[in-house]
Amino acid sequence: RLARDPQAVRRRVRAYHIKLCGSVFCQRCGVDCLMLVAQLRALDSEEERCALLRVRLPHLEGCAPGKLRRAAREPGEGHVWEADHRLEVREGGGEASDEG
């Protein structure tokens, strides 16, 4: 069941990362995603949030069309950190279990 429920996988991986490291970090660039979400929420405009995202997570814009805008419009952890798929779901990634 866990491997088929992306939200359950995300929650388990997030909890593991926080227990292990004290936060959730992007595996690609090392950015502290919880801190970044707090910084995004403190900004007043979507344009300011887009600018910060382009500096802190430059790969986000190239991941999927609209992902950067969605993260700027709705600054939340799920838009900034998504269990760090090293292999795109469309290429077979995302079928993880909680077995390490």
PDB file of N, CA and C in Angstrom:
ATOM      1  N   ARG A   1       0.826  -1.197   0.000  1.00  0.00           N
ATOM      2  CA  ARG A   1       0.000   0.000   0.000  1.00  0.00           C
ATOM      3  C   ARG A   1       0.865   1.254   0.000  1.00  0.00           C
ATOM      4  N   LEU A   2       1.926   1.255   0.781  1.00  0.00           N
ATOM      5  CA  LEU A   2       2.771   2.437   0.903  1.00  0.00           C
ATOM      6  C   LEU A   2       3.334   2.882  -0.443  1.00  0.00           C
ATOM      7  N   ALA A   3       3.812   1.942  -1.250  1.00  0.00           N
ATOM      8  CA  ALA A   3       4.422   2.290  -2.535  1.00  0.00           C
ATOM      9  C   ALA A   3       3.414   2.875  -3.511  1.00  0.00           C
ATOM     10  N   ARG A   4       2.142   2.618  -3.313  1.00  0.00           N
ATOM     11  CA  ARG A   4       1.115   3.112  -4.228  1.00  0.00           C
ATOM     12  C   ARG A   4       0.485   4.420  -3.758  1.00  0.00           C
ATOM     13  N   ASP A   5       0.802   4.863  -2.564  1.00  0.00           N
ATOM     14  CA  ASP A   5       0.228   6.087  -2.005  1.00  0.00           C
ATOM     15  C   ASP A   5       1.327   7.146  -1.891  1.00  0.00           C
ATOM     16  N   PRO A   6       1.431   8.037  -2.888  1.00  0.00           N
ATOM     17  CA  PRO A   6       2.520   9.013  -2.897  1.00  0.00           C
ATOM     18  C   PRO A   6       2.559   9.900  -1.661  1.00  0.00           C
ATOM     19  N   GLN A   7       1.405  10.246  -1.117  1.00  0.00           N
ATOM     20  CA  GLN A   7       1.398  11.088   0.075  1.00  0.00           C
ATOM     21  C   GLN A   7       1.968  10.343   1.275  1.00  0.00           C
ATOM     22  N   ALA A   8       1.648   9.058   1.395  1.00  0.00           N
ATOM     23  CA  ALA A   8       2.183   8.259   2.500  1.00  0.00           C
ATOM     24  C   ALA A   8       3.697   8.123   2.367  1.00  0.00           C
ATOM     25  N   VAL A   9       4.177   7.887   1.155  1.00  0.00           N
ATOM     26  CA  VAL A   9       5.621   7.781   0.930  1.00  0.00           C
ATOM     27  C   VAL A   9       6.295   9.098   1.281  1.00  0.00           C
ATOM     28  N   ARG A  10       5.721  10.209   0.816  1.00  0.00           N
ATOM     29  CA  ARG A  10       6.294  11.524   1.081  1.00  0.00           C
ATOM     30  C   ARG A  10       6.367  11.790   2.587  1.00  0.00           C
ATOM     31  N   ARG A  11       5.282  11.460   3.308  1.00  0.00           N
ATOM     32  CA  ARG A  11       5.269  11.675   4.763  1.00  0.00           C
ATOM     33  C   ARG A  11       6.335  10.839   5.458  1.00  0.00           C
ATOM     34  N   ARG A  12       6.478   9.579   5.060  1.00  0.00           N
ATOM     35  CA  ARG A  12       7.464   8.694   5.696  1.00  0.00           C
ATOM     36  C   ARG A  12       8.885   9.169   5.406  1.00  0.00           C
ATOM     37  N   VAL A  13       9.163   9.527   4.157  1.00  0.00           N
ATOM     38  CA  VAL A  13      10.502   9.987   3.797  1.00  0.00           C
ATOM     39  C   VAL A  13      10.809  11.306   4.501  1.00  0.00           C
ATOM     40  N   ARG A  14       9.828  12.211   4.550  1.00  0.00           N
ATOM     41  CA  ARG A  14      10.000  13.490   5.233  1.00  0.00           C
ATOM     42  C   ARG A  14      10.321  13.270   6.706  1.00  0.00           C
ATOM     43  N   ALA A  15       9.544  12.438   7.373  1.00  0.00           N
ATOM     44  CA  ALA A  15       9.760  12.167   8.795  1.00  0.00           C
ATOM     45  C   ALA A  15      11.145  11.569   9.024  1.00  0.00           C
ATOM     46  N   TYR A  16      11.557  10.676   8.128  1.00  0.00           N
ATOM     47  CA  TYR A  16      12.881  10.065   8.240  1.00  0.00           C
ATOM     48  C   TYR A  16      13.983  11.104   8.076  1.00  0.00           C
ATOM     49  N   HIS A  17      13.856  11.967   7.086  1.00  0.00           N
ATOM     50  CA  HIS A  17      14.855  13.013   6.853  1.00  0.00           C
ATOM     51  C   HIS A  17      14.962  13.955   8.049  1.00  0.00           C
ATOM     52  N   ILE A  18      13.825  14.362   8.582  1.00  0.00           N
ATOM     53  CA  ILE A  18      13.833  15.288   9.714  1.00  0.00           C
ATOM     54  C   ILE A  18      14.460  14.621  10.930  1.00  0.00           C
ATOM     55  N   LYS A  19      14.137  13.356  11.167  1.00  0.00           N
ATOM     56  CA  LYS A  19      14.724  12.629  12.296  1.00  0.00           C
ATOM     57  C   LYS A  19      16.234  12.494  12.115  1.00  0.00           C
ATOM     58  N   LEU A  20      16.657  12.212  10.918  1.00  0.00           N
ATOM     59  CA  LEU A  20      18.074  11.982  10.625  1.00  0.00           C
ATOM     60  C   LEU A  20      18.882  13.278  10.561  1.00  0.00           C
ATOM     61  N   CYS A  21      18.334  14.303   9.918  1.00  0.00           N
ATOM     62  CA  CYS A  21      19.101  15.512   9.605  1.00  0.00           C
ATOM     63  C   CYS A  21      18.595  16.782  10.283  1.00  0.00           C
ATOM     64  N   GLY A  22      17.414  16.762  10.844  1.00  0.00           N
ATOM     65  CA  GLY A  22      16.849  17.952  11.453  1.00  0.00           C
ATOM     66  C   GLY A  22      16.036  18.806  10.514  1.00  0.00           C
ATOM     67  N   SER A  23      16.021  18.464   9.238  1.00  0.00           N
ATOM     68  CA  SER A  23      15.224  19.186   8.254  1.00  0.00           C
ATOM     69  C   SER A  23      15.083  18.320   7.017  1.00  0.00           C
ATOM     70  N   VAL A  24      14.578  18.913   5.949  1.00  0.00           N
ATOM     71  CA  VAL A  24      14.437  18.223   4.672  1.00  0.00           C
ATOM     72  C   VAL A  24      15.286  18.982   3.662  1.00  0.00           C
ATOM     73  N   PHE A  25      16.243  18.300   3.081  1.00  0.00           N
ATOM     74  CA  PHE A  25      17.174  18.927   2.151  1.00  0.00           C
ATOM     75  C   PHE A  25      16.982  18.359   0.753  1.00  0.00           C
ATOM     76  N   CYS A  26      17.105  19.225  -0.250  1.00  0.00           N
ATOM     77  CA  CYS A  26      17.075  18.780  -1.640  1.00  0.00           C
ATOM     78  C   CYS A  26      18.323  17.934  -1.893  1.00  0.00           C
ATOM     79  N   GLN A  27      18.135  16.731  -2.410  1.00  0.00           N
ATOM     80  CA  GLN A  27      19.259  15.844  -2.683  1.00  0.00           C
ATOM     81  C   GLN A  27      20.096  16.333  -3.865  1.00  0.00           C
ATOM     82  N   ARG A  28      19.517  17.150  -4.707  1.00  0.00           N
ATOM     83  CA  ARG A  28      20.230  17.649  -5.882  1.00  0.00           C
ATOM     84  C   ARG A  28      21.167  18.797  -5.521  1.00  0.00           C
ATOM     85  N   CYS A  29      20.683  19.749  -4.706  1.00  0.00           N
ATOM     86  CA  CYS A  29      21.486  20.962  -4.469  1.00  0.00           C
ATOM     87  C   CYS A  29      21.764  21.245  -2.998  1.00  0.00           C
ATOM     88  N   GLY A  30      21.159  20.476  -2.083  1.00  0.00           N
ATOM     89  CA  GLY A  30      21.429  20.653  -0.663  1.00  0.00           C
ATOM     90  C   GLY A  30      20.650  21.751   0.037  1.00  0.00           C
ATOM     91  N   VAL A  31      19.718  22.398  -0.632  1.00  0.00           N
ATOM     92  CA  VAL A  31      18.938  23.481  -0.027  1.00  0.00           C
ATOM     93  C   VAL A  31      18.043  22.916   1.072  1.00  0.00           C
ATOM     94  N   ASP A  32      17.981  23.607   2.200  1.00  0.00           N
ATOM     95  CA  ASP A  32      17.071  23.265   3.295  1.00  0.00           C
ATOM     96  C   ASP A  32      15.668  23.699   2.871  1.00  0.00           C
ATOM     97  N   CYS A  33      14.837  22.750   2.507  1.00  0.00           N
ATOM     98  CA  CYS A  33      13.528  23.064   1.940  1.00  0.00           C
ATOM     99  C   CYS A  33      12.562  23.650   2.964  1.00  0.00           C
ATOM    100  N   LEU A  34      12.641  23.241   4.215  1.00  0.00           N
ATOM    101  CA  LEU A  34      11.760  23.809   5.230  1.00  0.00           C
ATOM    102  C   LEU A  34      12.090  25.277   5.455  1.00  0.00           C
ATOM    103  N   MET A  35      13.373  25.602   5.479  1.00  0.00           N
ATOM    104  CA  MET A  35      13.798  26.999   5.630  1.00  0.00           C
ATOM    105  C   MET A  35      13.376  27.814   4.405  1.00  0.00           C
ATOM    106  N   LEU A  36      13.531  27.248   3.231  1.00  0.00           N
ATOM    107  CA  LEU A  36      13.144  27.952   2.006  1.00  0.00           C
ATOM    108  C   LEU A  36      11.644  28.247   1.990  1.00  0.00           C
ATOM    109  N   VAL A  37      10.822  27.300   2.412  1.00  0.00           N
ATOM    110  CA  VAL A  37       9.378  27.530   2.454  1.00  0.00           C
ATOM    111  C   VAL A  37       9.057  28.678   3.404  1.00  0.00           C
ATOM    112  N   ALA A  38       9.722  28.722   4.545  1.00  0.00           N
ATOM    113  CA  ALA A  38       9.503  29.820   5.498  1.00  0.00           C
ATOM    114  C   ALA A  38       9.896  31.156   4.870  1.00  0.00           C
ATOM    115  N   GLN A  39      11.004  31.188   4.127  1.00  0.00           N
ATOM    116  CA  GLN A  39      11.438  32.421   3.463  1.00  0.00           C
ATOM    117  C   GLN A  39      10.437  32.835   2.386  1.00  0.00           C
ATOM    118  N   LEU A  40       9.935  31.867   1.632  1.00  0.00           N
ATOM    119  CA  LEU A  40       8.953  32.166   0.583  1.00  0.00           C
ATOM    120  C   LEU A  40       7.682  32.760   1.176  1.00  0.00           C
ATOM    121  N   ARG A  41       7.216  32.176   2.262  1.00  0.00           N
ATOM    122  CA  ARG A  41       5.981  32.656   2.891  1.00  0.00           C
ATOM    123  C   ARG A  41       6.134  34.061   3.465  1.00  0.00           C
ATOM    124  N   ALA A  42       7.355  34.460   3.775  1.00  0.00           N
ATOM    125  CA  ALA A  42       7.598  35.790   4.329  1.00  0.00           C
ATOM    126  C   ALA A  42       7.581  36.877   3.251  1.00  0.00           C
ATOM    127  N   LEU A  43       7.707  36.486   1.983  1.00  0.00           N
ATOM    128  CA  LEU A  43       7.719  37.463   0.898  1.00  0.00           C
ATOM    129  C   LEU A  43       6.295  37.849   0.507  1.00  0.00           C
ATOM    130  N   ASP A  44       6.138  39.084   0.029  1.00  0.00           N
ATOM    131  CA  ASP A  44       4.814  39.634  -0.257  1.00  0.00           C
ATOM    132  C   ASP A  44       4.235  39.250  -1.610  1.00  0.00           C
ATOM    133  N   SER A  45       5.082  39.127  -2.621  1.00  0.00           N
ATOM    134  CA  SER A  45       4.526  38.933  -3.966  1.00  0.00           C
ATOM    135  C   SER A  45       5.010  37.633  -4.601  1.00  0.00           C
ATOM    136  N   GLU A  46       4.230  37.176  -5.551  1.00  0.00           N
ATOM    137  CA  GLU A  46       4.595  35.978  -6.312  1.00  0.00           C
ATOM    138  C   GLU A  46       5.891  36.205  -7.087  1.00  0.00           C
ATOM    139  N   GLU A  47       6.081  37.409  -7.603  1.00  0.00           N
ATOM    140  CA  GLU A  47       7.306  37.707  -8.356  1.00  0.00           C
ATOM    141  C   GLU A  47       8.548  37.629  -7.464  1.00  0.00           C
ATOM    142  N   GLU A  48       8.447  38.133  -6.230  1.00  0.00           N
ATOM    143  CA  GLU A  48       9.570  38.031  -5.294  1.00  0.00           C
ATOM    144  C   GLU A  48       9.864  36.565  -4.974  1.00  0.00           C
ATOM    145  N   ARG A  49       8.812  35.771  -4.803  1.00  0.00           N
ATOM    146  CA  ARG A  49       9.002  34.349  -4.519  1.00  0.00           C
ATOM    147  C   ARG A  49       9.619  33.631  -5.720  1.00  0.00           C
ATOM    148  N   CYS A  50       9.199  33.990  -6.943  1.00  0.00           N
ATOM    149  CA  CYS A  50       9.803  33.401  -8.144  1.00  0.00           C
ATOM    150  C   CYS A  50      11.293  33.715  -8.213  1.00  0.00           C
ATOM    151  N   ALA A  51      11.643  34.947  -7.921  1.00  0.00           N
ATOM    152  CA  ALA A  51      13.050  35.357  -7.956  1.00  0.00           C
ATOM    153  C   ALA A  51      13.875  34.556  -6.948  1.00  0.00           C
ATOM    154  N   LEU A  52      13.348  34.383  -5.736  1.00  0.00           N
ATOM    155  CA  LEU A  52      14.063  33.607  -4.723  1.00  0.00           C
ATOM    156  C   LEU A  52      14.197  32.150  -5.150  1.00  0.00           C
ATOM    157  N   LEU A  53      13.138  31.588  -5.698  1.00  0.00           N
ATOM    158  CA  LEU A  53      13.194  30.195  -6.157  1.00  0.00           C
ATOM    159  C   LEU A  53      14.211  30.012  -7.279  1.00  0.00           C
ATOM    160  N   ARG A  54      14.286  30.980  -8.191  1.00  0.00           N
ATOM    161  CA  ARG A  54      15.253  30.870  -9.300  1.00  0.00           C
ATOM    162  C   ARG A  54      16.690  30.885  -8.785  1.00  0.00           C
ATOM    163  N   VAL A  55      16.934  31.598  -7.687  1.00  0.00           N
ATOM    164  CA  VAL A  55      18.276  31.653  -7.106  1.00  0.00           C
ATOM    165  C   VAL A  55      18.571  30.386  -6.302  1.00  0.00           C
ATOM    166  N   ARG A  56      17.637  29.997  -5.443  1.00  0.00           N
ATOM    167  CA  ARG A  56      17.877  28.884  -4.517  1.00  0.00           C
ATOM    168  C   ARG A  56      17.703  27.508  -5.153  1.00  0.00           C
ATOM    169  N   LEU A  57      16.724  27.363  -6.070  1.00  0.00           N
ATOM    170  CA  LEU A  57      16.455  26.088  -6.736  1.00  0.00           C
ATOM    171  C   LEU A  57      16.398  26.286  -8.240  1.00  0.00           C
ATOM    172  N   PRO A  58      17.531  26.583  -8.859  1.00  0.00           N
ATOM    173  CA  PRO A  58      17.518  26.875 -10.299  1.00  0.00           C
ATOM    174  C   PRO A  58      17.005  25.720 -11.154  1.00  0.00           C
ATOM    175  N   HIS A  59      17.128  24.490 -10.687  1.00  0.00           N
ATOM    176  CA  HIS A  59      16.657  23.344 -11.462  1.00  0.00           C
ATOM    177  C   HIS A  59      15.140  23.192 -11.436  1.00  0.00           C
ATOM    178  N   LEU A  60      14.453  23.879 -10.523  1.00  0.00           N
ATOM    179  CA  LEU A  60      13.005  23.725 -10.379  1.00  0.00           C
ATOM    180  C   LEU A  60      12.254  24.131 -11.645  1.00  0.00           C
ATOM    181  N   GLU A  61      12.683  25.195 -12.272  1.00  0.00           N
ATOM    182  CA  GLU A  61      11.989  25.685 -13.465  1.00  0.00           C
ATOM    183  C   GLU A  61      12.070  24.687 -14.614  1.00  0.00           C
ATOM    184  N   GLY A  62      13.187  23.978 -14.711  1.00  0.00           N
ATOM    185  CA  GLY A  62      13.349  23.017 -15.792  1.00  0.00           C
ATOM    186  C   GLY A  62      12.720  21.664 -15.527  1.00  0.00           C
ATOM    187  N   CYS A  63      12.310  21.396 -14.286  1.00  0.00           N
ATOM    188  CA  CYS A  63      11.740  20.083 -13.929  1.00  0.00           C
ATOM    189  C   CYS A  63      10.438  19.802 -14.659  1.00  0.00           C
ATOM    190  N   ALA A  64       9.526  20.726 -14.579  1.00  0.00           N
ATOM    191  CA  ALA A  64       8.211  20.536 -15.189  1.00  0.00           C
ATOM    192  C   ALA A  64       7.610  21.904 -15.445  1.00  0.00           C
ATOM    193  N   PRO A  65       6.907  22.055 -16.547  1.00  0.00           N
ATOM    194  CA  PRO A  65       6.290  23.346 -16.846  1.00  0.00           C
ATOM    195  C   PRO A  65       5.349  23.772 -15.713  1.00  0.00           C
ATOM    196  N   GLY A  66       5.504  24.994 -15.280  1.00  0.00           N
ATOM    197  CA  GLY A  66       4.617  25.534 -14.264  1.00  0.00           C
ATOM    198  C   GLY A  66       4.985  25.230 -12.826  1.00  0.00           C
ATOM    199  N   LYS A  67       5.980  24.385 -12.601  1.00  0.00           N
ATOM    200  CA  LYS A  67       6.323  23.992 -11.235  1.00  0.00           C
ATOM    201  C   LYS A  67       6.842  25.174 -10.416  1.00  0.00           C
ATOM    202  N   LEU A  68       7.677  26.003 -11.005  1.00  0.00           N
ATOM    203  CA  LEU A  68       8.201  27.165 -10.296  1.00  0.00           C
ATOM    204  C   LEU A  68       7.068  28.131  -9.953  1.00  0.00           C
ATOM    205  N   ARG A  69       6.210  28.409 -10.904  1.00  0.00           N
ATOM    206  CA  ARG A  69       5.075  29.321 -10.664  1.00  0.00           C
ATOM    207  C   ARG A  69       4.143  28.791  -9.583  1.00  0.00           C
ATOM    208  N   ARG A  70       3.883  27.487  -9.619  1.00  0.00           N
ATOM    209  CA  ARG A  70       3.002  26.892  -8.615  1.00  0.00           C
ATOM    210  C   ARG A  70       3.628  27.009  -7.220  1.00  0.00           C
ATOM    211  N   ALA A  71       4.931  26.784  -7.126  1.00  0.00           N
ATOM    212  CA  ALA A  71       5.625  26.901  -5.836  1.00  0.00           C
ATOM    213  C   ALA A  71       5.610  28.346  -5.346  1.00  0.00           C
ATOM    214  N   ALA A  72       5.684  29.309  -6.261  1.00  0.00           N
ATOM    215  CA  ALA A  72       5.660  30.723  -5.884  1.00  0.00           C
ATOM    216  C   ALA A  72       4.251  31.165  -5.501  1.00  0.00           C
ATOM    217  N   ARG A  73       3.268  30.639  -6.190  1.00  0.00           N
ATOM    218  CA  ARG A  73       1.874  31.004  -5.927  1.00  0.00           C
ATOM    219  C   ARG A  73       1.370  30.389  -4.621  1.00  0.00           C
ATOM    220  N   GLU A  74       1.764  29.142  -4.368  1.00  0.00           N
ATOM    221  CA  GLU A  74       1.333  28.408  -3.170  1.00  0.00           C
ATOM    222  C   GLU A  74       2.573  27.875  -2.457  1.00  0.00           C
ATOM    223  N   PRO A  75       3.313  28.744  -1.756  1.00  0.00           N
ATOM    224  CA  PRO A  75       4.562  28.289  -1.138  1.00  0.00           C
ATOM    225  C   PRO A  75       4.301  27.251  -0.055  1.00  0.00           C
ATOM    226  N   GLY A  76       4.608  26.038  -0.382  1.00  0.00           N
ATOM    227  CA  GLY A  76       4.430  24.935   0.554  1.00  0.00           C
ATOM    228  C   GLY A  76       5.481  23.881   0.298  1.00  0.00           C
ATOM    229  N   GLU A  77       5.722  23.109   1.295  1.00  0.00           N
ATOM    230  CA  GLU A  77       6.763  22.094   1.220  1.00  0.00           C
ATOM    231  C   GLU A  77       6.561  21.122   0.061  1.00  0.00           C
ATOM    232  N   GLY A  78       5.330  20.734  -0.196  1.00  0.00           N
ATOM    233  CA  GLY A  78       5.054  19.777  -1.268  1.00  0.00           C
ATOM    234  C   GLY A  78       5.389  20.284  -2.651  1.00  0.00           C
ATOM    235  N   HIS A  79       5.446  21.605  -2.823  1.00  0.00           N
ATOM    236  CA  HIS A  79       5.802  22.161  -4.129  1.00  0.00           C
ATOM    237  C   HIS A  79       7.308  22.368  -4.257  1.00  0.00           C
ATOM    238  N   VAL A  80       8.004  22.414  -3.133  1.00  0.00           N
ATOM    239  CA  VAL A  80       9.444  22.656  -3.165  1.00  0.00           C
ATOM    240  C   VAL A  80      10.210  21.346  -3.068  1.00  0.00           C
ATOM    241  N   TRP A  81       9.728  20.445  -2.245  1.00  0.00           N
ATOM    242  CA  TRP A  81      10.390  19.157  -2.020  1.00  0.00           C
ATOM    243  C   TRP A  81       9.380  18.056  -2.245  1.00  0.00           C
ATOM    244  N   GLU A  82       9.653  17.179  -3.171  1.00  0.00           N
ATOM    245  CA  GLU A  82       8.732  16.093  -3.484  1.00  0.00           C
ATOM    246  C   GLU A  82       9.461  14.759  -3.460  1.00  0.00           C
ATOM    247  N   ALA A  83       9.987  14.421  -2.300  1.00  0.00           N
ATOM    248  CA  ALA A  83      10.697  13.159  -2.096  1.00  0.00           C
ATOM    249  C   ALA A  83      11.883  12.999  -3.050  1.00  0.00           C
ATOM    250  N   ASP A  84      12.349  14.100  -3.600  1.00  0.00           N
ATOM    251  CA  ASP A  84      13.558  14.127  -4.415  1.00  0.00           C
ATOM    252  C   ASP A  84      13.665  12.980  -5.419  1.00  0.00           C
ATOM    253  N   HIS A  85      12.745  12.936  -6.349  1.00  0.00           N
ATOM    254  CA  HIS A  85      12.823  11.919  -7.401  1.00  0.00           C
ATOM    255  C   HIS A  85      14.100  12.130  -8.199  1.00  0.00           C
ATOM    256  N   ARG A  86      15.014  11.199  -8.111  1.00  0.00           N
ATOM    257  CA  ARG A  86      16.221  11.285  -8.928  1.00  0.00           C
ATOM    258  C   ARG A  86      15.923  10.799 -10.340  1.00  0.00           C
ATOM    259  N   LEU A  87      14.901   9.981 -10.459  1.00  0.00           N
ATOM    260  CA  LEU A  87      14.441   9.499 -11.754  1.00  0.00           C
ATOM    261  C   LEU A  87      13.004   9.977 -11.905  1.00  0.00           C
ATOM    262  N   GLU A  88      12.732  10.715 -12.960  1.00  0.00           N
ATOM    263  CA  GLU A  88      11.389  11.232 -13.188  1.00  0.00           C
ATOM    264  C   GLU A  88      10.377  10.090 -13.132  1.00  0.00           C
ATOM    265  N   VAL A  89       9.196  10.368 -12.605  1.00  0.00           N
ATOM    266  CA  VAL A  89       8.143   9.359 -12.507  1.00  0.00           C
ATOM    267  C   VAL A  89       7.832   8.801 -13.889  1.00  0.00           C
ATOM    268  N   ARG A  90       7.799   9.678 -14.883  1.00  0.00           N
ATOM    269  CA  ARG A  90       7.470   9.229 -16.238  1.00  0.00           C
ATOM    270  C   ARG A  90       8.534   8.295 -16.806  1.00  0.00           C
ATOM    271  N   GLU A  91       9.722   8.240 -16.151  1.00  0.00           N
ATOM    272  CA  GLU A  91      10.798   7.349 -16.592  1.00  0.00           C
ATOM    273  C   GLU A  91      10.969   6.167 -15.641  1.00  0.00           C
ATOM    274  N   GLY A  92       9.973   5.951 -14.771  1.00  0.00           N
ATOM    275  CA  GLY A  92      10.008   4.778 -13.890  1.00  0.00           C
ATOM    276  C   GLY A  92      10.292   5.085 -12.431  1.00  0.00           C
ATOM    277  N   GLY A  93      10.553   6.325 -12.074  1.00  0.00           N
ATOM    278  CA  GLY A  93      10.801   6.686 -10.671  1.00  0.00           C
ATOM    279  C   GLY A  93       9.501   6.804  -9.906  1.00  0.00           C
ATOM    280  N   GLY A  94       9.608   6.967  -8.610  1.00  0.00           N
ATOM    281  CA  GLY A  94       8.432   7.202  -7.783  1.00  0.00           C
ATOM    282  C   GLY A  94       7.784   5.966  -7.213  1.00  0.00           C
ATOM    283  N   GLU A  95       8.241   4.792  -7.567  1.00  0.00           N
ATOM    284  CA  GLU A  95       7.674   3.550  -7.019  1.00  0.00           C
ATOM    285  C   GLU A  95       8.531   3.098  -5.850  1.00  0.00           C
ATOM    286  N   ALA A  96       8.810   4.000  -4.929  1.00  0.00           N
ATOM    287  CA  ALA A  96       9.685   3.699  -3.802  1.00  0.00           C
ATOM    288  C   ALA A  96       8.903   3.035  -2.680  1.00  0.00           C
ATOM    289  N   SER A  97       9.643   2.326  -1.853  1.00  0.00           N
ATOM    290  CA  SER A  97       9.073   1.803  -0.615  1.00  0.00           C
ATOM    291  C   SER A  97       9.780   2.498   0.539  1.00  0.00           C
ATOM    292  N   ASP A  98       9.446   2.148   1.748  1.00  0.00           N
ATOM    293  CA  ASP A  98      10.125   2.751   2.886  1.00  0.00           C
ATOM    294  C   ASP A  98      11.285   1.869   3.351  1.00  0.00           C
ATOM    295  N   GLU A  99      11.774   1.032   2.493  1.00  0.00           N
ATOM    296  CA  GLU A  99      12.860   0.109   2.808  1.00  0.00           C
ATOM    297  C   GLU A  99      14.220   0.717   2.504  1.00  0.00           C
ATOM    298  N   GLY A 100      14.454   1.974   2.885  1.00  0.00           N
ATOM    299  CA  GLY A 100      15.772   2.577   2.663  1.00  0.00           C
ATOM    300  C   GLY A 100      15.853   3.116   1.307  1.00  0.00           C
TER     301      GLY A 100
END
